[in-house]
Amino acid sequence: MLGFAWALGTGIAGQADEHSVRLACNNFPPHKIEQPADDGNAGFDIDIVGEALKRIGWSTEISFMPWKRALELAERGQYDGLCSCSHTKEREAKLLFSDELGAVSVGLFARSSDALAGIGSVADLKGRKVVTVGGYNLEAELIAAGAEVEATASDKNALDMLVAGNVDLLYGYELTTKHFVASDPRSSSIAYREVRRNPYYFCLSRAMPGADAAMQGFNRSLKDMAADGSVQRILDRYHVTFR
């Protein structure tokens, strides 16, 4: 087992192995938190996914690792899926995507607002030195735009590279990058500009036995959780609102 692992139990005696989903996840707070604080919050994606699977009788075993590694192992079927991921046409061949979990802000971070002047979209980044996490769908966008791409292993590493002046800009996810900005005294002048909203999903490997049925059950649970207020109660614990 790679990375840090822990399990969410279903309470179904004698069926833990038969009804266990092994998920590969990257540290992506507040969505997915490898080392929870004293409040015990593991990340709202993990909480939502765990509860939805629990309602259909599945336990969840989670291993943390860099995103690129997590994606590769899930696509190869060495893990049953990912805690959450963005949709791309290329991923459809190896992964099943749930109904939408949420939509998050994606954009550009700079050391000051002046560095964002004249940038309205990714297309304006040609020739600019931009860091993002390797394996994110954002990396392909930057390459297509002609940016000088620096791929790194984690969102925290990407912020460190920006703050150190190793790159001009960081292309990433607002909530997660701002989580790291808040705990970094060097980042007080960091500026952000949204480029777009990005829907994301729970993902299962097509190689997992019973993946189609499990995903159908997950989607039913997710719909029920939205209707009974469970999803909103989880988001409220993290002070998150999706618009």
C-alpha atoms as a PDB file:
ATOM      1  CA  MET A   1       0.000   0.000   0.000  1.00  0.00           C
ATOM      2  CA  LEU A   2       1.430   3.330  -1.064  1.00  0.00           C
ATOM      3  CA  GLY A   3       1.120   6.458   1.012  1.00  0.00           C
ATOM      4  CA  PHE A   4      -0.850   7.134   4.159  1.00  0.00           C
ATOM      5  CA  ALA A   5      -3.943   4.923   4.410  1.00  0.00           C
ATOM      6  CA  TRP A   6      -7.040   4.861   6.583  1.00  0.00           C
ATOM      7  CA  ALA A   7     -10.534   3.431   6.288  1.00  0.00           C
ATOM      8  CA  LEU A   8     -14.127   4.518   6.660  1.00  0.00           C
ATOM      9  CA  GLY A   9     -16.182   1.562   7.868  1.00  0.00           C
ATOM     10  CA  THR A  10     -19.688   0.618   6.832  1.00  0.00           C
ATOM     11  CA  GLY A  11     -20.646  -1.319   9.923  1.00  0.00           C
ATOM     12  CA  ILE A  12     -21.525  -4.370   7.823  1.00  0.00           C
ATOM     13  CA  ALA A  13     -20.158  -7.255   9.829  1.00  0.00           C
ATOM     14  CA  GLY A  14     -18.205  -9.895   7.948  1.00  0.00           C
ATOM     15  CA  GLN A  15     -18.337  -8.030   4.633  1.00  0.00           C
ATOM     16  CA  ALA A  16     -15.509  -5.494   4.909  1.00  0.00           C
ATOM     17  CA  ASP A  17     -13.222  -7.160   2.343  1.00  0.00           C
ATOM     18  CA  GLU A  18     -16.035  -7.957  -0.107  1.00  0.00           C
ATOM     19  CA  HIS A  19     -17.443  -4.428   0.027  1.00  0.00           C
ATOM     20  CA  SER A  20     -14.311  -2.302   0.230  1.00  0.00           C
ATOM     21  CA  VAL A  21     -13.316   0.385  -2.280  1.00  0.00           C
ATOM     22  CA  ARG A  22      -9.607   1.256  -2.406  1.00  0.00           C
ATOM     23  CA  LEU A  23      -9.150   4.878  -3.430  1.00  0.00           C
ATOM     24  CA  ALA A  24      -5.958   6.725  -4.338  1.00  0.00           C
ATOM     25  CA  CYS A  25      -6.014  10.382  -3.300  1.00  0.00           C
ATOM     26  CA  ASN A  26      -3.728  13.393  -3.345  1.00  0.00           C
ATOM     27  CA  ASN A  27      -3.442  15.846  -0.466  1.00  0.00           C
ATOM     28  CA  PHE A  28      -5.817  18.583  -1.650  1.00  0.00           C
ATOM     29  CA  PRO A  29      -7.209  20.515   1.327  1.00  0.00           C
ATOM     30  CA  PRO A  30      -9.945  21.295   2.126  1.00  0.00           C
ATOM     31  CA  HIS A  31     -11.267  18.659  -0.332  1.00  0.00           C
ATOM     32  CA  LYS A  32      -8.923  15.864   0.776  1.00  0.00           C
ATOM     33  CA  ILE A  33      -6.711  16.232   3.846  1.00  0.00           C
ATOM     34  CA  GLU A  34      -3.855  13.790   4.395  1.00  0.00           C
ATOM     35  CA  GLN A  35      -3.163  14.900   7.977  1.00  0.00           C
ATOM     36  CA  PRO A  36      -6.389  16.149   9.600  1.00  0.00           C
ATOM     37  CA  ALA A  37      -6.152  18.838  12.269  1.00  0.00           C
ATOM     38  CA  ASP A  38      -7.563  18.500  15.785  1.00  0.00           C
ATOM     39  CA  ASP A  39     -11.096  18.954  14.413  1.00  0.00           C
ATOM     40  CA  GLY A  40     -10.733  15.595  12.659  1.00  0.00           C
ATOM     41  CA  ASN A  41     -12.002  16.911   9.331  1.00  0.00           C
ATOM     42  CA  ALA A  42     -10.658  14.649   6.582  1.00  0.00           C
ATOM     43  CA  GLY A  43     -11.847  16.796   3.673  1.00  0.00           C
ATOM     44  CA  PHE A  44     -15.319  17.392   2.312  1.00  0.00           C
ATOM     45  CA  ASP A  45     -14.789  15.248  -0.805  1.00  0.00           C
ATOM     46  CA  ILE A  46     -13.733  12.336   1.391  1.00  0.00           C
ATOM     47  CA  ASP A  47     -16.697  12.900   3.722  1.00  0.00           C
ATOM     48  CA  ILE A  48     -19.231  13.083   0.881  1.00  0.00           C
ATOM     49  CA  VAL A  49     -17.817  10.114  -1.020  1.00  0.00           C
ATOM     50  CA  GLY A  50     -17.475   8.030   2.145  1.00  0.00           C
ATOM     51  CA  GLU A  51     -21.070   8.688   3.221  1.00  0.00           C
ATOM     52  CA  ALA A  52     -22.496   8.008  -0.241  1.00  0.00           C
ATOM     53  CA  LEU A  53     -20.662   4.681  -0.455  1.00  0.00           C
ATOM     54  CA  LYS A  54     -21.571   3.775   3.113  1.00  0.00           C
ATOM     55  CA  ARG A  55     -25.249   4.122   2.238  1.00  0.00           C
ATOM     56  CA  ILE A  56     -24.903   1.390  -0.385  1.00  0.00           C
ATOM     57  CA  GLY A  57     -22.897  -0.906   1.884  1.00  0.00           C
ATOM     58  CA  TRP A  58     -19.320  -0.164   0.888  1.00  0.00           C
ATOM     59  CA  SER A  59     -16.365   0.731   3.096  1.00  0.00           C
ATOM     60  CA  THR A  60     -13.678   3.097   1.847  1.00  0.00           C
ATOM     61  CA  GLU A  61      -9.929   2.583   2.179  1.00  0.00           C
ATOM     62  CA  ILE A  62      -7.881   5.629   1.222  1.00  0.00           C
ATOM     63  CA  SER A  63      -4.185   5.932   0.348  1.00  0.00           C
ATOM     64  CA  PHE A  64      -2.522   9.314  -0.147  1.00  0.00           C
ATOM     65  CA  MET A  65       0.130   9.907  -2.807  1.00  0.00           C
ATOM     66  CA  PRO A  66       1.061  12.528  -5.426  1.00  0.00           C
ATOM     67  CA  TRP A  67      -1.738  13.182  -7.924  1.00  0.00           C
ATOM     68  CA  LYS A  68       0.070  11.917 -11.022  1.00  0.00           C
ATOM     69  CA  ARG A  69       0.825   8.614  -9.304  1.00  0.00           C
ATOM     70  CA  ALA A  70      -2.750   8.311  -8.011  1.00  0.00           C
ATOM     71  CA  LEU A  71      -4.179   8.841 -11.486  1.00  0.00           C
ATOM     72  CA  GLU A  72      -1.817   6.337 -13.084  1.00  0.00           C
ATOM     73  CA  LEU A  73      -2.582   3.612 -10.522  1.00  0.00           C
ATOM     74  CA  ALA A  74      -6.351   4.119 -10.772  1.00  0.00           C
ATOM     75  CA  GLU A  75      -6.264   4.061 -14.569  1.00  0.00           C
ATOM     76  CA  ARG A  76      -4.240   0.828 -14.452  1.00  0.00           C
ATOM     77  CA  GLY A  77      -6.743  -0.732 -12.054  1.00  0.00           C
ATOM     78  CA  GLN A  78      -4.255  -1.064  -9.194  1.00  0.00           C
ATOM     79  CA  TYR A  79      -6.658   1.063  -7.148  1.00  0.00           C
ATOM     80  CA  ASP A  80     -10.429   0.996  -7.477  1.00  0.00           C
ATOM     81  CA  GLY A  81     -10.686   4.721  -8.059  1.00  0.00           C
ATOM     82  CA  LEU A  82      -9.937   8.281  -7.033  1.00  0.00           C
ATOM     83  CA  CYS A  83     -11.559  10.327  -4.290  1.00  0.00           C
ATOM     84  CA  SER A  84     -12.351  12.951  -6.913  1.00  0.00           C
ATOM     85  CA  CYS A  85     -11.119  14.072 -10.310  1.00  0.00           C
ATOM     86  CA  SER A  86     -11.863  16.301 -13.274  1.00  0.00           C
ATOM     87  CA  HIS A  87     -13.329  14.891 -16.474  1.00  0.00           C
ATOM     88  CA  THR A  88     -11.338  14.651 -19.689  1.00  0.00           C
ATOM     89  CA  LYS A  89     -12.096  12.670 -22.850  1.00  0.00           C
ATOM     90  CA  GLU A  90      -8.792  10.816 -22.456  1.00  0.00           C
ATOM     91  CA  ARG A  91      -9.724   9.574 -18.991  1.00  0.00           C
ATOM     92  CA  GLU A  92     -13.067   8.124 -20.116  1.00  0.00           C
ATOM     93  CA  ALA A  93     -11.391   4.989 -21.483  1.00  0.00           C
ATOM     94  CA  LYS A  94     -10.148   3.960 -18.037  1.00  0.00           C
ATOM     95  CA  LEU A  95     -12.444   5.734 -15.547  1.00  0.00           C
ATOM     96  CA  LEU A  96     -16.145   6.031 -14.745  1.00  0.00           C
ATOM     97  CA  PHE A  97     -17.359   9.462 -13.646  1.00  0.00           C
ATOM     98  CA  SER A  98     -20.137  10.066 -11.141  1.00  0.00           C
ATOM     99  CA  ASP A  99     -22.712  12.803 -11.233  1.00  0.00           C
ATOM    100  CA  GLU A 100     -21.129  16.159 -10.437  1.00  0.00           C
ATOM    101  CA  LEU A 101     -19.792  16.573  -6.894  1.00  0.00           C
ATOM    102  CA  GLY A 102     -19.265  20.307  -7.261  1.00  0.00           C
ATOM    103  CA  ALA A 103     -17.651  23.028  -9.352  1.00  0.00           C
ATOM    104  CA  VAL A 104     -14.543  24.819  -8.173  1.00  0.00           C
ATOM    105  CA  SER A 105     -12.705  27.963  -9.194  1.00  0.00           C
ATOM    106  CA  VAL A 106      -9.620  27.518 -11.378  1.00  0.00           C
ATOM    107  CA  GLY A 107      -7.296  30.406 -12.034  1.00  0.00           C
ATOM    108  CA  LEU A 108      -3.951  32.113 -11.923  1.00  0.00           C
ATOM    109  CA  PHE A 109      -1.917  33.097  -8.889  1.00  0.00           C
ATOM    110  CA  ALA A 110       0.858  35.689  -9.011  1.00  0.00           C
ATOM    111  CA  ARG A 111       3.183  37.336  -6.512  1.00  0.00           C
ATOM    112  CA  SER A 112       1.297  40.607  -7.048  1.00  0.00           C
ATOM    113  CA  SER A 113      -1.776  41.814  -8.912  1.00  0.00           C
ATOM    114  CA  ASP A 114       0.462  43.707 -11.358  1.00  0.00           C
ATOM    115  CA  ALA A 115       1.754  40.392 -12.715  1.00  0.00           C
ATOM    116  CA  LEU A 116      -1.788  39.477 -13.808  1.00  0.00           C
ATOM    117  CA  ALA A 117      -2.219  42.597 -15.943  1.00  0.00           C
ATOM    118  CA  GLY A 118      -3.209  41.819 -19.517  1.00  0.00           C
ATOM    119  CA  ILE A 119      -4.061  38.185 -18.809  1.00  0.00           C
ATOM    120  CA  GLY A 120      -7.672  37.272 -19.517  1.00  0.00           C
ATOM    121  CA  SER A 121      -7.374  33.576 -20.305  1.00  0.00           C
ATOM    122  CA  VAL A 122      -4.936  30.677 -20.563  1.00  0.00           C
ATOM    123  CA  ALA A 123      -4.387  31.636 -24.205  1.00  0.00           C
ATOM    124  CA  ASP A 124      -2.546  34.737 -22.972  1.00  0.00           C
ATOM    125  CA  LEU A 125       0.144  32.629 -21.274  1.00  0.00           C
ATOM    126  CA  LYS A 126       2.236  31.850 -24.350  1.00  0.00           C
ATOM    127  CA  GLY A 127       5.896  32.100 -23.414  1.00  0.00           C
ATOM    128  CA  ARG A 128       5.154  32.689 -19.719  1.00  0.00           C
ATOM    129  CA  LYS A 129       6.740  30.420 -17.118  1.00  0.00           C
ATOM    130  CA  VAL A 130       3.831  28.796 -15.287  1.00  0.00           C
ATOM    131  CA  VAL A 131       3.775  26.067 -12.641  1.00  0.00           C
ATOM    132  CA  THR A 132       0.999  23.543 -12.111  1.00  0.00           C
ATOM    133  CA  VAL A 133       0.707  20.051 -10.649  1.00  0.00           C
ATOM    134  CA  GLY A 134       1.871  17.303 -12.983  1.00  0.00           C
ATOM    135  CA  GLY A 135      -1.005  15.170 -14.258  1.00  0.00           C
ATOM    136  CA  TYR A 136      -3.719  17.769 -13.634  1.00  0.00           C
ATOM    137  CA  ASN A 137      -5.828  18.498 -16.713  1.00  0.00           C
ATOM    138  CA  LEU A 138      -4.527  22.057 -16.274  1.00  0.00           C
ATOM    139  CA  GLU A 139      -1.090  20.950 -17.465  1.00  0.00           C
ATOM    140  CA  ALA A 140      -2.414  20.026 -20.918  1.00  0.00           C
ATOM    141  CA  GLU A 141      -4.181  23.400 -21.168  1.00  0.00           C
ATOM    142  CA  LEU A 142      -0.935  25.231 -20.515  1.00  0.00           C
ATOM    143  CA  ILE A 143       1.011  23.152 -23.017  1.00  0.00           C
ATOM    144  CA  ALA A 144      -1.636  23.788 -25.686  1.00  0.00           C
ATOM    145  CA  ALA A 145      -1.401  27.533 -24.995  1.00  0.00           C
ATOM    146  CA  GLY A 146       2.361  27.529 -25.517  1.00  0.00           C
ATOM    147  CA  ALA A 147       3.268  28.337 -21.926  1.00  0.00           C
ATOM    148  CA  GLU A 148       6.627  27.319 -20.509  1.00  0.00           C
ATOM    149  CA  VAL A 149       5.285  24.699 -18.116  1.00  0.00           C
ATOM    150  CA  GLU A 150       6.885  23.634 -14.852  1.00  0.00           C
ATOM    151  CA  ALA A 151       5.125  20.522 -13.522  1.00  0.00           C
ATOM    152  CA  THR A 152       5.501  19.713  -9.844  1.00  0.00           C
ATOM    153  CA  ALA A 153       4.255  17.008  -7.488  1.00  0.00           C
ATOM    154  CA  SER A 154       1.814  18.965  -5.308  1.00  0.00           C
ATOM    155  CA  ASP A 155      -0.112  22.202  -4.889  1.00  0.00           C
ATOM    156  CA  LYS A 156       2.099  23.147  -1.940  1.00  0.00           C
ATOM    157  CA  ASN A 157       5.220  22.684  -4.062  1.00  0.00           C
ATOM    158  CA  ALA A 158       3.677  24.842  -6.780  1.00  0.00           C
ATOM    159  CA  LEU A 159       3.065  27.676  -4.316  1.00  0.00           C
ATOM    160  CA  ASP A 160       6.609  27.380  -2.975  1.00  0.00           C
ATOM    161  CA  MET A 161       7.966  27.753  -6.517  1.00  0.00           C
ATOM    162  CA  LEU A 162       5.839  30.843  -7.135  1.00  0.00           C
ATOM    163  CA  VAL A 163       6.793  32.520  -3.862  1.00  0.00           C
ATOM    164  CA  ALA A 164      10.487  31.786  -4.471  1.00  0.00           C
ATOM    165  CA  GLY A 165      10.320  33.518  -7.854  1.00  0.00           C
ATOM    166  CA  ASN A 166      11.102  30.375  -9.857  1.00  0.00           C
ATOM    167  CA  VAL A 167       8.035  30.913 -12.078  1.00  0.00           C
ATOM    168  CA  ASP A 168       5.912  33.847 -13.223  1.00  0.00           C
ATOM    169  CA  LEU A 169       2.525  32.368 -12.404  1.00  0.00           C
ATOM    170  CA  LEU A 170       0.763  29.406 -10.813  1.00  0.00           C
ATOM    171  CA  TYR A 171      -2.229  27.820 -12.549  1.00  0.00           C
ATOM    172  CA  GLY A 172      -4.306  25.953 -10.001  1.00  0.00           C
ATOM    173  CA  TYR A 173      -7.396  25.550  -7.868  1.00  0.00           C
ATOM    174  CA  GLU A 174      -8.496  28.472  -5.718  1.00  0.00           C
ATOM    175  CA  LEU A 175      -9.575  26.712  -2.519  1.00  0.00           C
ATOM    176  CA  THR A 176      -6.539  24.482  -2.201  1.00  0.00           C
ATOM    177  CA  THR A 177      -3.916  27.057  -3.119  1.00  0.00           C
ATOM    178  CA  LYS A 178      -5.497  29.661  -0.828  1.00  0.00           C
ATOM    179  CA  HIS A 179      -5.441  27.051   1.961  1.00  0.00           C
ATOM    180  CA  PHE A 180      -1.645  26.928   1.658  1.00  0.00           C
ATOM    181  CA  VAL A 181      -1.371  30.698   1.156  1.00  0.00           C
ATOM    182  CA  ALA A 182      -3.154  31.245   4.486  1.00  0.00           C
ATOM    183  CA  SER A 183      -0.476  29.311   6.379  1.00  0.00           C
ATOM    184  CA  ASP A 184       2.535  30.817   4.578  1.00  0.00           C
ATOM    185  CA  PRO A 185       3.725  34.226   5.861  1.00  0.00           C
ATOM    186  CA  ARG A 186       5.680  34.744   2.631  1.00  0.00           C
ATOM    187  CA  SER A 187       2.438  34.740   0.636  1.00  0.00           C
ATOM    188  CA  SER A 188       0.771  37.907   1.936  1.00  0.00           C
ATOM    189  CA  SER A 189       0.904  39.657  -1.454  1.00  0.00           C
ATOM    190  CA  ILE A 190      -0.293  36.713  -3.545  1.00  0.00           C
ATOM    191  CA  ALA A 191      -3.046  37.721  -5.994  1.00  0.00           C
ATOM    192  CA  TYR A 192      -5.621  35.492  -7.714  1.00  0.00           C
ATOM    193  CA  ARG A 193      -7.665  35.770 -10.903  1.00  0.00           C
ATOM    194  CA  GLU A 194     -10.345  33.225 -11.795  1.00  0.00           C
ATOM    195  CA  VAL A 195     -10.172  31.789 -15.306  1.00  0.00           C
ATOM    196  CA  ARG A 196     -13.141  29.407 -15.175  1.00  0.00           C
ATOM    197  CA  ARG A 197     -15.246  27.101 -13.042  1.00  0.00           C
ATOM    198  CA  ASN A 198     -14.308  23.428 -13.120  1.00  0.00           C
ATOM    199  CA  PRO A 199     -16.869  20.680 -12.354  1.00  0.00           C
ATOM    200  CA  TYR A 200     -15.441  17.563 -10.745  1.00  0.00           C
ATOM    201  CA  TYR A 201     -16.560  14.028  -9.946  1.00  0.00           C
ATOM    202  CA  PHE A 202     -16.028  10.816  -7.991  1.00  0.00           C
ATOM    203  CA  CYS A 203     -14.142   8.382 -10.220  1.00  0.00           C
ATOM    204  CA  LEU A 204     -13.946   4.594 -10.348  1.00  0.00           C
ATOM    205  CA  SER A 205     -11.604   2.455 -12.396  1.00  0.00           C
ATOM    206  CA  ARG A 206     -13.395   0.554 -15.160  1.00  0.00           C
ATOM    207  CA  ALA A 207     -11.209  -2.407 -14.155  1.00  0.00           C
ATOM    208  CA  MET A 208     -12.891  -2.661 -10.743  1.00  0.00           C
ATOM    209  CA  PRO A 209     -15.316  -5.614 -10.567  1.00  0.00           C
ATOM    210  CA  GLY A 210     -18.868  -4.296 -10.311  1.00  0.00           C
ATOM    211  CA  ALA A 211     -17.801  -0.724 -11.067  1.00  0.00           C
ATOM    212  CA  ASP A 212     -20.896   0.136 -13.109  1.00  0.00           C
ATOM    213  CA  ALA A 213     -23.314  -1.047 -10.415  1.00  0.00           C
ATOM    214  CA  ALA A 214     -21.292   0.654  -7.688  1.00  0.00           C
ATOM    215  CA  MET A 215     -21.346   3.943  -9.584  1.00  0.00           C
ATOM    216  CA  GLN A 216     -25.088   3.723 -10.148  1.00  0.00           C
ATOM    217  CA  GLY A 217     -25.578   3.156  -6.428  1.00  0.00           C
ATOM    218  CA  PHE A 218     -23.226   6.007  -5.604  1.00  0.00           C
ATOM    219  CA  ASN A 219     -25.187   8.402  -7.796  1.00  0.00           C
ATOM    220  CA  ARG A 220     -28.446   7.407  -6.104  1.00  0.00           C
ATOM    221  CA  SER A 221     -26.874   8.022  -2.698  1.00  0.00           C
ATOM    222  CA  LEU A 222     -25.457  11.359  -3.806  1.00  0.00           C
ATOM    223  CA  LYS A 223     -28.884  12.482  -5.005  1.00  0.00           C
ATOM    224  CA  ASP A 224     -30.444  11.399  -1.704  1.00  0.00           C
ATOM    225  CA  MET A 225     -27.741  13.224   0.263  1.00  0.00           C
ATOM    226  CA  ALA A 226     -28.405  16.427  -1.647  1.00  0.00           C
ATOM    227  CA  ALA A 227     -32.135  16.085  -1.003  1.00  0.00           C
ATOM    228  CA  ASP A 228     -31.862  15.354   2.730  1.00  0.00           C
ATOM    229  CA  GLY A 229     -29.314  18.115   3.364  1.00  0.00           C
ATOM    230  CA  SER A 230     -26.357  15.832   4.112  1.00  0.00           C
ATOM    231  CA  VAL A 231     -24.139  17.338   1.420  1.00  0.00           C
ATOM    232  CA  GLN A 232     -24.777  20.873   2.633  1.00  0.00           C
ATOM    233  CA  ARG A 233     -24.149  19.898   6.260  1.00  0.00           C
ATOM    234  CA  ILE A 234     -20.771  18.467   5.271  1.00  0.00           C
ATOM    235  CA  LEU A 235     -19.854  21.593   3.298  1.00  0.00           C
ATOM    236  CA  ASP A 236     -20.938  23.766   6.217  1.00  0.00           C
ATOM    237  CA  ARG A 237     -18.351  22.058   8.443  1.00  0.00           C
ATOM    238  CA  TYR A 238     -15.685  23.378   6.086  1.00  0.00           C
ATOM    239  CA  HIS A 239     -17.337  26.779   5.534  1.00  0.00           C
ATOM    240  CA  VAL A 240     -17.517  26.039   1.803  1.00  0.00           C
ATOM    241  CA  THR A 241     -20.217  27.164  -0.608  1.00  0.00           C
ATOM    242  CA  PHE A 242     -20.248  26.136  -4.264  1.00  0.00           C
ATOM    243  CA  ARG A 243     -21.780  28.720  -6.570  1.00  0.00           C
END
